[in-house]
Amino acid sequence: MSHSLYEVEALARRAARGAGLSWGLAEEAGRSTRWLAAAGLPGPEALADWLSRSEGLPHDLLCPADVGATWTARGGTLCPLIAGAALSDMAAELAARGGVTLGPTGAPLLMLPFVAAAARAGGAALAVEWAGLSAHFGERVSLRATDAGLHAAQATGIRVARRVHPPGGACAVRPGSRGHIPPRAAETLDAFAHRTYAPATPESRLGGAGAGLTDND
């Protein structure tokens, strides 16, 4: 279904929070999913898949054990939101030293908006690559990808590095004003989001909309 980008971001943020992410990471999840959906990329699907697979895993198992030349997670799989936020935070250093390589990373598509932000902040064109996908962030965003690359549940050997020119055969990514959330992804995200809703009480029902326990007819 087609949704406003605000709706996409709000659902993604609430779903991430319902899955146990901190408010900060939930905000990042919302912005990342919105960026991807606006670009016509399967961000909601990537988030739904990642939240389903990472639910309950401690933060310290998903974050980079070291932010040197190669990043790996203590638990074996990097969280794309944590790794993406780290990439964005070290934009200037990333541009200066040329790049980094990431080990196994879940739902890597969710990192693209963070690399875009790092390119803007660092003032240098950056590229990110894994099997089946190559994206370039410079004056414009360019992408070359296979369906498998776009929907990768996990990728390894991800390279984020400076690059002047986009890859051959890449297409420009132009943001739109609405985003698409397939039914299955929407169902998953809704289920996580509903965990954040407070259960109804007699007091809240009386104070809410409608007749409550009073029949006005």
N, C-alpha and C. Protein backbone atom coordinates (compact mmCIF):
# COMPACT_ATOMS: atom_id res chain seq x y z
N MET A 1 0.83 -1.19 0.00
CA MET A 1 0.00 0.00 0.00
C MET A 1 0.87 1.25 0.00
N SER A 2 0.32 2.33 -0.56
CA SER A 2 1.03 3.60 -0.61
C SER A 2 0.73 4.40 0.65
N HIS A 3 1.78 4.98 1.23
CA HIS A 3 1.63 5.76 2.45
C HIS A 3 2.40 7.07 2.32
N SER A 4 2.00 8.07 3.11
CA SER A 4 2.80 9.28 3.17
C SER A 4 4.13 8.93 3.83
N LEU A 5 5.15 9.71 3.54
CA LEU A 5 6.46 9.42 4.14
C LEU A 5 6.42 9.61 5.65
N TYR A 6 5.58 10.51 6.12
CA TYR A 6 5.43 10.67 7.57
C TYR A 6 4.89 9.39 8.18
N GLU A 7 3.90 8.78 7.53
CA GLU A 7 3.34 7.52 8.05
C GLU A 7 4.37 6.41 8.05
N VAL A 8 5.18 6.34 7.00
CA VAL A 8 6.23 5.33 6.92
C VAL A 8 7.20 5.50 8.08
N GLU A 9 7.66 6.73 8.29
CA GLU A 9 8.63 7.00 9.35
C GLU A 9 8.04 6.71 10.73
N ALA A 10 6.80 7.15 10.96
CA ALA A 10 6.18 6.95 12.27
C ALA A 10 6.00 5.47 12.58
N LEU A 11 5.56 4.69 11.59
CA LEU A 11 5.37 3.25 11.81
C LEU A 11 6.70 2.57 12.06
N ALA A 12 7.72 2.91 11.28
CA ALA A 12 9.04 2.30 11.45
C ALA A 12 9.62 2.64 12.82
N ARG A 13 9.48 3.88 13.23
CA ARG A 13 10.01 4.30 14.54
C ARG A 13 9.30 3.55 15.67
N ARG A 14 7.98 3.48 15.61
CA ARG A 14 7.24 2.81 16.67
C ARG A 14 7.51 1.30 16.68
N ALA A 15 7.64 0.72 15.48
CA ALA A 15 7.95 -0.72 15.41
C ALA A 15 9.31 -1.01 16.01
N ALA A 16 10.29 -0.17 15.70
CA ALA A 16 11.63 -0.36 16.26
C ALA A 16 11.61 -0.25 17.78
N ARG A 17 10.86 0.70 18.27
CA ARG A 17 10.75 0.85 19.72
C ARG A 17 10.05 -0.36 20.33
N GLY A 18 9.01 -0.85 19.66
CA GLY A 18 8.30 -2.02 20.14
C GLY A 18 9.15 -3.27 20.15
N ALA A 19 10.15 -3.31 19.26
CA ALA A 19 11.06 -4.45 19.20
C ALA A 19 12.16 -4.36 20.24
N GLY A 20 12.17 -3.27 21.02
CA GLY A 20 13.12 -3.15 22.11
C GLY A 20 14.30 -2.22 21.86
N LEU A 21 14.33 -1.54 20.70
CA LEU A 21 15.43 -0.61 20.44
C LEU A 21 15.28 0.63 21.30
N SER A 22 16.40 1.28 21.58
CA SER A 22 16.37 2.52 22.34
C SER A 22 15.64 3.58 21.52
N TRP A 23 15.24 4.66 22.19
CA TRP A 23 14.56 5.73 21.46
C TRP A 23 15.46 6.29 20.37
N GLY A 24 16.76 6.43 20.67
CA GLY A 24 17.68 6.97 19.67
C GLY A 24 17.76 6.10 18.43
N LEU A 25 17.91 4.79 18.62
CA LEU A 25 17.97 3.88 17.47
C LEU A 25 16.62 3.78 16.77
N ALA A 26 15.53 3.88 17.53
CA ALA A 26 14.21 3.86 16.91
C ALA A 26 14.04 5.08 15.99
N GLU A 27 14.52 6.23 16.43
CA GLU A 27 14.48 7.42 15.58
C GLU A 27 15.29 7.21 14.31
N GLU A 28 16.47 6.60 14.46
CA GLU A 28 17.30 6.33 13.29
C GLU A 28 16.60 5.34 12.35
N ALA A 29 15.93 4.35 12.91
CA ALA A 29 15.21 3.38 12.09
C ALA A 29 14.11 4.07 11.29
N GLY A 30 13.40 5.00 11.93
CA GLY A 30 12.35 5.73 11.24
C GLY A 30 12.88 6.56 10.09
N ARG A 31 13.96 7.29 10.34
CA ARG A 31 14.52 8.14 9.29
C ARG A 31 15.09 7.31 8.14
N SER A 32 15.78 6.22 8.49
CA SER A 32 16.37 5.37 7.46
C SER A 32 15.30 4.75 6.58
N THR A 33 14.26 4.23 7.21
CA THR A 33 13.18 3.58 6.45
C THR A 33 12.47 4.59 5.56
N ARG A 34 12.27 5.79 6.07
CA ARG A 34 11.63 6.85 5.27
C ARG A 34 12.48 7.18 4.04
N TRP A 35 13.78 7.34 4.23
CA TRP A 35 14.69 7.67 3.12
C TRP A 35 14.60 6.60 2.04
N LEU A 36 14.66 5.36 2.46
CA LEU A 36 14.62 4.25 1.50
C LEU A 36 13.28 4.18 0.79
N ALA A 37 12.18 4.32 1.54
CA ALA A 37 10.86 4.26 0.93
C ALA A 37 10.68 5.40 -0.07
N ALA A 38 11.17 6.59 0.26
CA ALA A 38 11.07 7.73 -0.66
C ALA A 38 11.83 7.47 -1.95
N ALA A 39 12.92 6.70 -1.85
CA ALA A 39 13.72 6.37 -3.03
C ALA A 39 13.16 5.18 -3.80
N GLY A 40 12.04 4.64 -3.34
CA GLY A 40 11.45 3.49 -4.01
C GLY A 40 12.15 2.18 -3.69
N LEU A 41 12.90 2.15 -2.60
CA LEU A 41 13.64 0.95 -2.20
C LEU A 41 12.91 0.24 -1.06
N PRO A 42 13.13 -1.07 -0.91
CA PRO A 42 12.37 -1.85 0.07
C PRO A 42 12.82 -1.68 1.52
N GLY A 43 12.84 -0.45 2.00
CA GLY A 43 13.23 -0.19 3.37
C GLY A 43 12.31 -0.79 4.41
N PRO A 44 10.97 -0.65 4.26
CA PRO A 44 10.08 -1.25 5.25
C PRO A 44 10.26 -2.76 5.36
N GLU A 45 10.47 -3.43 4.23
CA GLU A 45 10.70 -4.88 4.25
C GLU A 45 12.00 -5.21 4.97
N ALA A 46 13.05 -4.41 4.71
CA ALA A 46 14.34 -4.65 5.36
C ALA A 46 14.22 -4.48 6.87
N LEU A 47 13.51 -3.43 7.30
CA LEU A 47 13.36 -3.20 8.73
C LEU A 47 12.54 -4.32 9.38
N ALA A 48 11.44 -4.71 8.74
CA ALA A 48 10.60 -5.77 9.30
C ALA A 48 11.41 -7.05 9.46
N ASP A 49 12.22 -7.37 8.46
CA ASP A 49 13.03 -8.58 8.53
C ASP A 49 14.07 -8.49 9.63
N TRP A 50 14.75 -7.35 9.73
CA TRP A 50 15.80 -7.21 10.74
C TRP A 50 15.23 -7.24 12.15
N LEU A 51 14.12 -6.55 12.40
CA LEU A 51 13.53 -6.56 13.73
C LEU A 51 13.10 -7.97 14.12
N SER A 52 12.60 -8.73 13.17
CA SER A 52 12.16 -10.10 13.45
C SER A 52 13.33 -10.99 13.82
N ARG A 53 14.48 -10.77 13.18
CA ARG A 53 15.63 -11.65 13.40
C ARG A 53 16.50 -11.22 14.58
N SER A 54 16.44 -9.94 14.94
CA SER A 54 17.34 -9.44 15.99
C SER A 54 16.64 -9.21 17.32
N GLU A 55 15.34 -9.44 17.36
CA GLU A 55 14.58 -9.18 18.58
C GLU A 55 15.19 -9.91 19.77
N GLY A 56 15.40 -9.17 20.84
CA GLY A 56 15.89 -9.76 22.07
C GLY A 56 17.40 -9.87 22.18
N LEU A 57 18.12 -9.58 21.10
CA LEU A 57 19.59 -9.67 21.16
C LEU A 57 20.16 -8.43 21.85
N PRO A 58 21.10 -8.61 22.76
CA PRO A 58 21.69 -7.46 23.46
C PRO A 58 22.43 -6.53 22.51
N HIS A 59 22.38 -5.24 22.82
CA HIS A 59 23.02 -4.21 22.02
C HIS A 59 24.51 -4.49 21.84
N ASP A 60 25.17 -4.92 22.92
CA ASP A 60 26.63 -5.09 22.83
C ASP A 60 27.06 -6.24 21.93
N LEU A 61 26.12 -7.13 21.56
CA LEU A 61 26.45 -8.20 20.62
C LEU A 61 26.29 -7.76 19.17
N LEU A 62 25.61 -6.64 18.95
CA LEU A 62 25.29 -6.18 17.60
C LEU A 62 26.14 -5.01 17.13
N CYS A 63 26.84 -4.36 18.04
CA CYS A 63 27.62 -3.17 17.66
C CYS A 63 29.05 -3.56 17.28
N PRO A 64 29.75 -2.70 16.55
CA PRO A 64 31.13 -3.01 16.16
C PRO A 64 32.03 -3.18 17.38
N ALA A 65 32.79 -4.26 17.39
CA ALA A 65 33.74 -4.48 18.48
C ALA A 65 34.90 -3.50 18.38
N ASP A 66 35.16 -3.02 17.17
CA ASP A 66 36.24 -2.06 16.94
C ASP A 66 35.90 -1.30 15.66
N VAL A 67 36.16 0.02 15.64
CA VAL A 67 35.87 0.81 14.45
C VAL A 67 37.17 1.16 13.73
N GLY A 68 37.98 0.14 13.53
CA GLY A 68 39.21 0.30 12.76
C GLY A 68 38.95 0.09 11.29
N ALA A 69 39.86 -0.59 10.61
CA ALA A 69 39.72 -0.80 9.17
C ALA A 69 38.64 -1.83 8.85
N THR A 70 38.43 -2.79 9.76
CA THR A 70 37.42 -3.82 9.56
C THR A 70 36.53 -3.90 10.78
N TRP A 71 35.21 -3.86 10.56
CA TRP A 71 34.26 -3.89 11.66
C TRP A 71 33.60 -5.26 11.75
N THR A 72 33.55 -5.80 12.94
CA THR A 72 32.82 -7.04 13.19
C THR A 72 32.06 -6.89 14.50
N ALA A 73 31.04 -7.71 14.68
CA ALA A 73 30.24 -7.66 15.90
C ALA A 73 30.61 -8.82 16.81
N ARG A 74 30.51 -8.59 18.10
CA ARG A 74 30.80 -9.65 19.07
C ARG A 74 29.87 -10.84 18.89
N GLY A 75 28.63 -10.55 18.50
CA GLY A 75 27.67 -11.63 18.34
C GLY A 75 27.67 -12.26 16.97
N GLY A 76 28.53 -11.77 16.08
CA GLY A 76 28.64 -12.36 14.74
C GLY A 76 27.99 -11.55 13.64
N THR A 77 26.92 -10.79 13.94
CA THR A 77 26.22 -10.02 12.92
C THR A 77 26.03 -8.58 13.38
N LEU A 78 26.51 -7.64 12.59
CA LEU A 78 26.35 -6.23 12.90
C LEU A 78 24.91 -5.78 12.67
N CYS A 79 24.43 -4.90 13.55
CA CYS A 79 23.15 -4.25 13.34
C CYS A 79 23.36 -3.13 12.32
N PRO A 80 22.58 -3.06 11.24
CA PRO A 80 22.80 -2.01 10.23
C PRO A 80 22.51 -0.62 10.76
N LEU A 81 21.64 -0.50 11.75
CA LEU A 81 21.32 0.81 12.31
C LEU A 81 22.45 1.31 13.20
N ILE A 82 23.01 0.42 14.03
CA ILE A 82 24.13 0.81 14.89
C ILE A 82 25.36 1.11 14.04
N ALA A 83 25.66 0.22 13.09
CA ALA A 83 26.83 0.43 12.22
C ALA A 83 26.64 1.67 11.37
N GLY A 84 25.42 1.87 10.86
CA GLY A 84 25.15 3.05 10.04
C GLY A 84 25.32 4.33 10.81
N ALA A 85 24.81 4.37 12.04
CA ALA A 85 24.96 5.56 12.86
C ALA A 85 26.43 5.85 13.16
N ALA A 86 27.21 4.79 13.38
CA ALA A 86 28.64 4.97 13.62
C ALA A 86 29.34 5.53 12.39
N LEU A 87 28.97 5.04 11.21
CA LEU A 87 29.54 5.56 9.96
C LEU A 87 29.22 7.05 9.80
N SER A 88 27.98 7.40 10.09
CA SER A 88 27.58 8.79 9.96
C SER A 88 28.32 9.69 10.94
N ASP A 89 28.51 9.20 12.18
CA ASP A 89 29.18 9.99 13.21
C ASP A 89 30.66 10.25 12.88
N MET A 90 31.28 9.32 12.15
CA MET A 90 32.70 9.48 11.85
C MET A 90 32.92 9.87 10.39
N ALA A 91 32.02 10.71 9.86
CA ALA A 91 32.06 11.08 8.44
C ALA A 91 33.40 11.67 8.03
N ALA A 92 33.91 12.63 8.80
CA ALA A 92 35.16 13.29 8.43
C ALA A 92 36.32 12.30 8.44
N GLU A 93 36.38 11.47 9.46
CA GLU A 93 37.45 10.48 9.55
C GLU A 93 37.35 9.46 8.43
N LEU A 94 36.13 9.08 8.10
CA LEU A 94 35.90 8.11 7.03
C LEU A 94 36.42 8.65 5.70
N ALA A 95 36.12 9.91 5.43
CA ALA A 95 36.58 10.52 4.18
C ALA A 95 38.10 10.64 4.17
N ALA A 96 38.69 10.93 5.33
CA ALA A 96 40.14 11.13 5.39
C ALA A 96 40.91 9.83 5.19
N ARG A 97 40.44 8.75 5.78
CA ARG A 97 41.22 7.52 5.72
C ARG A 97 40.83 6.60 4.57
N GLY A 98 39.84 6.97 3.80
CA GLY A 98 39.54 6.22 2.59
C GLY A 98 38.37 5.28 2.67
N GLY A 99 38.18 4.62 3.80
CA GLY A 99 37.03 3.72 3.91
C GLY A 99 37.21 2.65 4.95
N VAL A 100 36.18 1.82 5.08
CA VAL A 100 36.18 0.71 6.02
C VAL A 100 35.51 -0.50 5.37
N THR A 101 35.75 -1.67 5.96
CA THR A 101 35.11 -2.89 5.51
C THR A 101 34.29 -3.45 6.67
N LEU A 102 33.07 -3.86 6.41
CA LEU A 102 32.20 -4.41 7.43
C LEU A 102 32.05 -5.91 7.24
N GLY A 103 32.13 -6.63 8.35
CA GLY A 103 31.88 -8.06 8.33
C GLY A 103 30.39 -8.33 8.19
N PRO A 104 29.93 -9.53 8.54
CA PRO A 104 28.52 -9.88 8.38
C PRO A 104 27.60 -8.81 8.99
N THR A 105 26.69 -8.31 8.17
CA THR A 105 25.78 -7.24 8.58
C THR A 105 24.36 -7.61 8.17
N GLY A 106 23.43 -7.53 9.11
CA GLY A 106 22.05 -7.84 8.80
C GLY A 106 21.37 -6.72 8.05
N ALA A 107 20.44 -7.06 7.14
CA ALA A 107 19.63 -6.08 6.40
C ALA A 107 20.47 -4.88 5.97
N PRO A 108 21.54 -5.07 5.19
CA PRO A 108 22.47 -3.98 4.89
C PRO A 108 21.84 -2.79 4.17
N LEU A 109 20.70 -2.99 3.52
CA LEU A 109 20.06 -1.88 2.83
C LEU A 109 19.77 -0.72 3.78
N LEU A 110 19.51 -1.02 5.04
CA LEU A 110 19.20 0.02 6.01
C LEU A 110 20.36 0.96 6.26
N MET A 111 21.58 0.59 5.84
CA MET A 111 22.74 1.46 6.04
C MET A 111 22.86 2.57 5.00
N LEU A 112 22.21 2.41 3.84
CA LEU A 112 22.42 3.37 2.75
C LEU A 112 22.15 4.82 3.16
N PRO A 113 21.06 5.12 3.87
CA PRO A 113 20.84 6.52 4.25
C PRO A 113 21.94 7.08 5.13
N PHE A 114 22.55 6.24 5.95
CA PHE A 114 23.63 6.70 6.82
C PHE A 114 24.89 7.02 6.01
N VAL A 115 25.16 6.23 4.99
CA VAL A 115 26.30 6.51 4.12
C VAL A 115 26.05 7.81 3.35
N ALA A 116 24.81 8.01 2.93
CA ALA A 116 24.47 9.26 2.26
C ALA A 116 24.73 10.46 3.17
N ALA A 117 24.34 10.32 4.44
CA ALA A 117 24.57 11.40 5.41
C ALA A 117 26.06 11.61 5.66
N ALA A 118 26.83 10.53 5.71
CA ALA A 118 28.28 10.64 5.92
C ALA A 118 28.94 11.35 4.74
N ALA A 119 28.47 11.07 3.53
CA ALA A 119 29.03 11.73 2.35
C ALA A 119 28.77 13.23 2.40
N ARG A 120 27.56 13.60 2.79
CA ARG A 120 27.24 15.03 2.89
C ARG A 120 28.07 15.70 3.98
N ALA A 121 28.14 15.07 5.14
CA ALA A 121 28.85 15.67 6.27
C ALA A 121 30.35 15.74 6.03
N GLY A 122 30.91 14.71 5.39
CA GLY A 122 32.35 14.67 5.16
C GLY A 122 32.80 15.42 3.92
N GLY A 123 31.85 15.83 3.09
CA GLY A 123 32.20 16.58 1.88
C GLY A 123 32.96 15.76 0.87
N ALA A 124 32.78 14.45 0.86
CA ALA A 124 33.48 13.59 -0.09
C ALA A 124 32.52 12.52 -0.60
N ALA A 125 32.62 12.20 -1.88
CA ALA A 125 31.77 11.17 -2.46
C ALA A 125 32.14 9.81 -1.87
N LEU A 126 31.14 9.04 -1.50
CA LEU A 126 31.35 7.72 -0.92
C LEU A 126 30.56 6.68 -1.71
N ALA A 127 31.05 5.46 -1.66
CA ALA A 127 30.35 4.34 -2.28
C ALA A 127 30.25 3.23 -1.27
N VAL A 128 29.20 2.42 -1.40
CA VAL A 128 29.04 1.24 -0.56
C VAL A 128 28.72 0.07 -1.50
N GLU A 129 29.35 -1.06 -1.22
CA GLU A 129 29.19 -2.23 -2.10
C GLU A 129 29.06 -3.51 -1.29
N TRP A 130 28.17 -4.38 -1.73
CA TRP A 130 28.16 -5.78 -1.31
C TRP A 130 27.65 -6.59 -2.48
N ALA A 131 27.65 -7.89 -2.37
CA ALA A 131 27.27 -8.74 -3.50
C ALA A 131 25.88 -8.38 -4.00
N GLY A 132 25.81 -7.95 -5.24
CA GLY A 132 24.52 -7.62 -5.84
C GLY A 132 24.11 -6.17 -5.71
N LEU A 133 24.92 -5.33 -5.07
CA LEU A 133 24.55 -3.92 -4.93
C LEU A 133 25.78 -3.03 -4.88
N SER A 134 25.68 -1.91 -5.59
CA SER A 134 26.71 -0.87 -5.54
C SER A 134 26.00 0.48 -5.58
N ALA A 135 26.23 1.31 -4.57
CA ALA A 135 25.60 2.62 -4.49
C ALA A 135 26.67 3.69 -4.37
N HIS A 136 26.39 4.84 -4.98
CA HIS A 136 27.34 5.95 -4.97
C HIS A 136 26.63 7.20 -4.47
N PHE A 137 27.29 7.91 -3.54
CA PHE A 137 26.72 9.12 -2.95
C PHE A 137 27.66 10.29 -3.19
N GLY A 138 27.31 11.10 -4.16
CA GLY A 138 28.10 12.27 -4.50
C GLY A 138 27.17 13.44 -4.71
N GLU A 139 27.28 14.11 -5.87
CA GLU A 139 26.33 15.18 -6.17
C GLU A 139 24.92 14.64 -6.29
N ARG A 140 24.81 13.40 -6.68
CA ARG A 140 23.53 12.71 -6.70
C ARG A 140 23.73 11.29 -6.21
N VAL A 141 22.64 10.61 -5.92
CA VAL A 141 22.71 9.23 -5.47
C VAL A 141 22.48 8.32 -6.67
N SER A 142 23.39 7.37 -6.87
CA SER A 142 23.27 6.43 -7.99
C SER A 142 23.32 5.01 -7.43
N LEU A 143 22.58 4.12 -8.08
CA LEU A 143 22.46 2.76 -7.57
C LEU A 143 22.43 1.76 -8.71
N ARG A 144 23.17 0.66 -8.50
CA ARG A 144 23.09 -0.49 -9.40
C ARG A 144 22.89 -1.71 -8.50
N ALA A 145 21.80 -2.44 -8.73
CA ALA A 145 21.51 -3.54 -7.81
C ALA A 145 20.68 -4.63 -8.48
N THR A 146 20.90 -5.83 -8.01
CA THR A 146 20.04 -6.95 -8.38
C THR A 146 18.96 -7.09 -7.31
N ASP A 147 17.94 -7.85 -7.59
CA ASP A 147 16.89 -8.06 -6.61
C ASP A 147 17.45 -8.73 -5.36
N ALA A 148 18.38 -9.67 -5.56
CA ALA A 148 19.00 -10.35 -4.42
C ALA A 148 19.80 -9.37 -3.58
N GLY A 149 20.49 -8.44 -4.22
CA GLY A 149 21.26 -7.46 -3.48
C GLY A 149 20.39 -6.52 -2.67
N LEU A 150 19.26 -6.10 -3.26
CA LEU A 150 18.35 -5.20 -2.57
C LEU A 150 17.71 -5.87 -1.35
N HIS A 151 17.38 -7.14 -1.48
CA HIS A 151 16.65 -7.85 -0.43
C HIS A 151 17.55 -8.74 0.43
N ALA A 152 18.85 -8.51 0.37
CA ALA A 152 19.78 -9.35 1.15
C ALA A 152 19.46 -9.29 2.63
N ALA A 153 19.24 -10.45 3.23
CA ALA A 153 19.01 -10.51 4.67
C ALA A 153 20.31 -10.27 5.43
N GLN A 154 21.43 -10.59 4.80
CA GLN A 154 22.75 -10.39 5.40
C GLN A 154 23.78 -10.29 4.29
N ALA A 155 24.79 -9.49 4.52
CA ALA A 155 25.90 -9.38 3.57
C ALA A 155 27.20 -9.31 4.36
N THR A 156 28.26 -9.74 3.74
CA THR A 156 29.58 -9.67 4.38
C THR A 156 30.56 -9.04 3.40
N GLY A 157 31.68 -8.58 3.92
CA GLY A 157 32.65 -7.92 3.05
C GLY A 157 32.13 -6.63 2.47
N ILE A 158 31.26 -5.95 3.20
CA ILE A 158 30.71 -4.67 2.73
C ILE A 158 31.79 -3.61 2.77
N ARG A 159 31.96 -2.94 1.66
CA ARG A 159 33.00 -1.91 1.57
C ARG A 159 32.37 -0.54 1.47
N VAL A 160 32.74 0.35 2.39
CA VAL A 160 32.32 1.75 2.35
C VAL A 160 33.58 2.57 2.14
N ALA A 161 33.68 3.26 1.02
CA ALA A 161 34.94 3.93 0.69
C ALA A 161 34.71 5.16 -0.18
N ARG A 162 35.74 5.99 -0.25
CA ARG A 162 35.69 7.15 -1.14
C ARG A 162 35.71 6.68 -2.58
N ARG A 163 34.91 7.35 -3.41
CA ARG A 163 34.93 7.05 -4.84
C ARG A 163 34.40 8.27 -5.59
N VAL A 164 35.12 8.66 -6.63
CA VAL A 164 34.75 9.87 -7.36
C VAL A 164 33.57 9.61 -8.29
N HIS A 165 33.60 8.50 -8.99
CA HIS A 165 32.60 8.25 -10.01
C HIS A 165 31.65 7.12 -9.61
N PRO A 166 30.38 7.21 -10.03
CA PRO A 166 29.44 6.12 -9.75
C PRO A 166 29.79 4.89 -10.58
N PRO A 167 29.33 3.71 -10.17
CA PRO A 167 29.64 2.49 -10.93
C PRO A 167 28.94 2.49 -12.28
N GLY A 168 29.52 1.79 -13.23
CA GLY A 168 28.92 1.68 -14.54
C GLY A 168 27.55 1.04 -14.47
N GLY A 169 26.63 1.57 -15.26
CA GLY A 169 25.29 1.02 -15.30
C GLY A 169 24.40 1.43 -14.15
N ALA A 170 24.88 2.36 -13.31
CA ALA A 170 24.08 2.81 -12.17
C ALA A 170 22.99 3.78 -12.63
N CYS A 171 21.88 3.76 -11.92
CA CYS A 171 20.76 4.66 -12.20
C CYS A 171 20.63 5.68 -11.07
N ALA A 172 20.25 6.90 -11.43
CA ALA A 172 20.06 7.92 -10.41
C ALA A 172 18.85 7.58 -9.54
N VAL A 173 18.98 7.84 -8.24
CA VAL A 173 17.90 7.63 -7.29
C VAL A 173 17.26 8.98 -7.01
N ARG A 174 15.98 9.11 -7.34
CA ARG A 174 15.26 10.36 -7.14
C ARG A 174 14.14 10.14 -6.13
N PRO A 175 14.17 10.87 -5.03
CA PRO A 175 13.14 10.66 -4.00
C PRO A 175 11.75 11.08 -4.45
N GLY A 176 10.77 10.32 -3.99
CA GLY A 176 9.38 10.64 -4.26
C GLY A 176 8.71 11.17 -3.01
N SER A 177 7.40 11.35 -3.08
CA SER A 177 6.67 11.93 -1.96
C SER A 177 5.88 10.91 -1.16
N ARG A 178 5.87 9.65 -1.62
CA ARG A 178 5.15 8.61 -0.91
C ARG A 178 5.98 7.33 -0.88
N GLY A 179 5.62 6.41 0.01
CA GLY A 179 6.36 5.17 0.13
C GLY A 179 5.42 3.98 0.11
N HIS A 180 5.95 2.84 -0.30
CA HIS A 180 5.16 1.62 -0.41
C HIS A 180 5.55 0.65 0.70
N ILE A 181 4.55 0.11 1.39
CA ILE A 181 4.78 -0.92 2.41
C ILE A 181 3.96 -2.14 2.02
N PRO A 182 4.59 -3.21 1.58
CA PRO A 182 3.86 -4.42 1.22
C PRO A 182 3.08 -4.97 2.42
N PRO A 183 1.98 -5.68 2.18
CA PRO A 183 1.14 -6.17 3.28
C PRO A 183 1.89 -6.98 4.34
N ARG A 184 2.78 -7.87 3.91
CA ARG A 184 3.48 -8.72 4.89
C ARG A 184 4.38 -7.88 5.80
N ALA A 185 5.10 -6.92 5.21
CA ALA A 185 5.95 -6.05 6.02
C ALA A 185 5.11 -5.18 6.93
N ALA A 186 3.99 -4.68 6.42
CA ALA A 186 3.11 -3.84 7.23
C ALA A 186 2.58 -4.62 8.43
N GLU A 187 2.22 -5.87 8.21
CA GLU A 187 1.72 -6.71 9.30
C GLU A 187 2.77 -6.90 10.39
N THR A 188 4.01 -7.15 9.96
CA THR A 188 5.09 -7.34 10.93
C THR A 188 5.37 -6.07 11.71
N LEU A 189 5.48 -4.95 10.99
CA LEU A 189 5.76 -3.68 11.65
C LEU A 189 4.62 -3.27 12.58
N ASP A 190 3.38 -3.50 12.15
CA ASP A 190 2.23 -3.18 13.00
C ASP A 190 2.27 -4.00 14.30
N ALA A 191 2.65 -5.27 14.17
CA ALA A 191 2.70 -6.13 15.36
C ALA A 191 3.72 -5.61 16.37
N PHE A 192 4.87 -5.19 15.89
CA PHE A 192 5.87 -4.62 16.79
C PHE A 192 5.38 -3.29 17.36
N ALA A 193 4.79 -2.46 16.51
CA ALA A 193 4.33 -1.14 16.94
C ALA A 193 3.26 -1.25 18.03
N HIS A 194 2.39 -2.25 17.95
CA HIS A 194 1.32 -2.39 18.93
C HIS A 194 1.84 -2.67 20.33
N ARG A 195 3.06 -3.13 20.44
CA ARG A 195 3.63 -3.37 21.76
C ARG A 195 3.85 -2.07 22.53
N THR A 196 3.88 -0.96 21.82
CA THR A 196 4.13 0.33 22.48
C THR A 196 2.84 0.97 22.97
N TYR A 197 1.70 0.39 22.61
CA TYR A 197 0.43 0.98 23.02
C TYR A 197 0.10 0.55 24.45
N ALA A 198 -0.30 1.49 25.26
CA ALA A 198 -0.68 1.17 26.64
C ALA A 198 -2.00 0.42 26.63
N PRO A 199 -2.13 -0.64 27.45
CA PRO A 199 -3.40 -1.37 27.51
C PRO A 199 -4.51 -0.48 28.05
N ALA A 200 -5.70 -0.70 27.54
CA ALA A 200 -6.84 0.10 27.98
C ALA A 200 -7.20 -0.24 29.43
N THR A 201 -7.61 0.77 30.16
CA THR A 201 -8.09 0.60 31.53
C THR A 201 -9.50 1.19 31.60
N PRO A 202 -10.27 0.85 32.64
CA PRO A 202 -11.60 1.47 32.77
C PRO A 202 -11.53 2.99 32.77
N GLU A 203 -10.48 3.56 33.41
CA GLU A 203 -10.34 5.01 33.47
C GLU A 203 -10.07 5.61 32.09
N SER A 204 -9.18 4.93 31.31
CA SER A 204 -8.86 5.48 30.00
C SER A 204 -10.05 5.36 29.05
N ARG A 205 -10.83 4.28 29.21
CA ARG A 205 -12.01 4.15 28.35
C ARG A 205 -13.04 5.23 28.66
N LEU A 206 -13.19 5.56 29.96
CA LEU A 206 -14.14 6.60 30.34
C LEU A 206 -13.68 7.97 29.86
N GLY A 207 -12.37 8.19 29.86
CA GLY A 207 -11.85 9.48 29.47
C GLY A 207 -11.61 9.65 28.00
N GLY A 208 -11.78 8.56 27.22
CA GLY A 208 -11.48 8.63 25.80
C GLY A 208 -12.68 9.05 24.99
N ALA A 209 -12.52 8.90 23.65
CA ALA A 209 -13.61 9.29 22.74
C ALA A 209 -14.75 8.29 22.85
N GLY A 210 -15.94 8.72 22.47
CA GLY A 210 -17.09 7.83 22.45
C GLY A 210 -17.87 7.92 23.75
N ALA A 211 -18.84 7.02 23.91
CA ALA A 211 -19.76 7.12 25.03
C ALA A 211 -19.19 6.54 26.31
N GLY A 212 -18.09 5.76 26.22
CA GLY A 212 -17.59 5.10 27.43
C GLY A 212 -18.64 4.16 27.98
N LEU A 213 -18.92 4.26 29.29
CA LEU A 213 -19.92 3.40 29.88
C LEU A 213 -21.29 4.07 29.93
N THR A 214 -21.40 5.26 29.33
CA THR A 214 -22.66 6.00 29.35
C THR A 214 -23.34 5.88 27.99
N ASP A 215 -24.56 5.48 27.98
CA ASP A 215 -25.34 5.38 26.75
C ASP A 215 -26.07 6.71 26.54
N ASN A 216 -25.66 7.43 25.49
CA ASN A 216 -26.25 8.75 25.25
C ASN A 216 -27.50 8.70 24.40
N ASP A 217 -27.84 7.51 23.92
CA ASP A 217 -29.03 7.42 23.05
C ASP A 217 -30.31 7.55 23.87
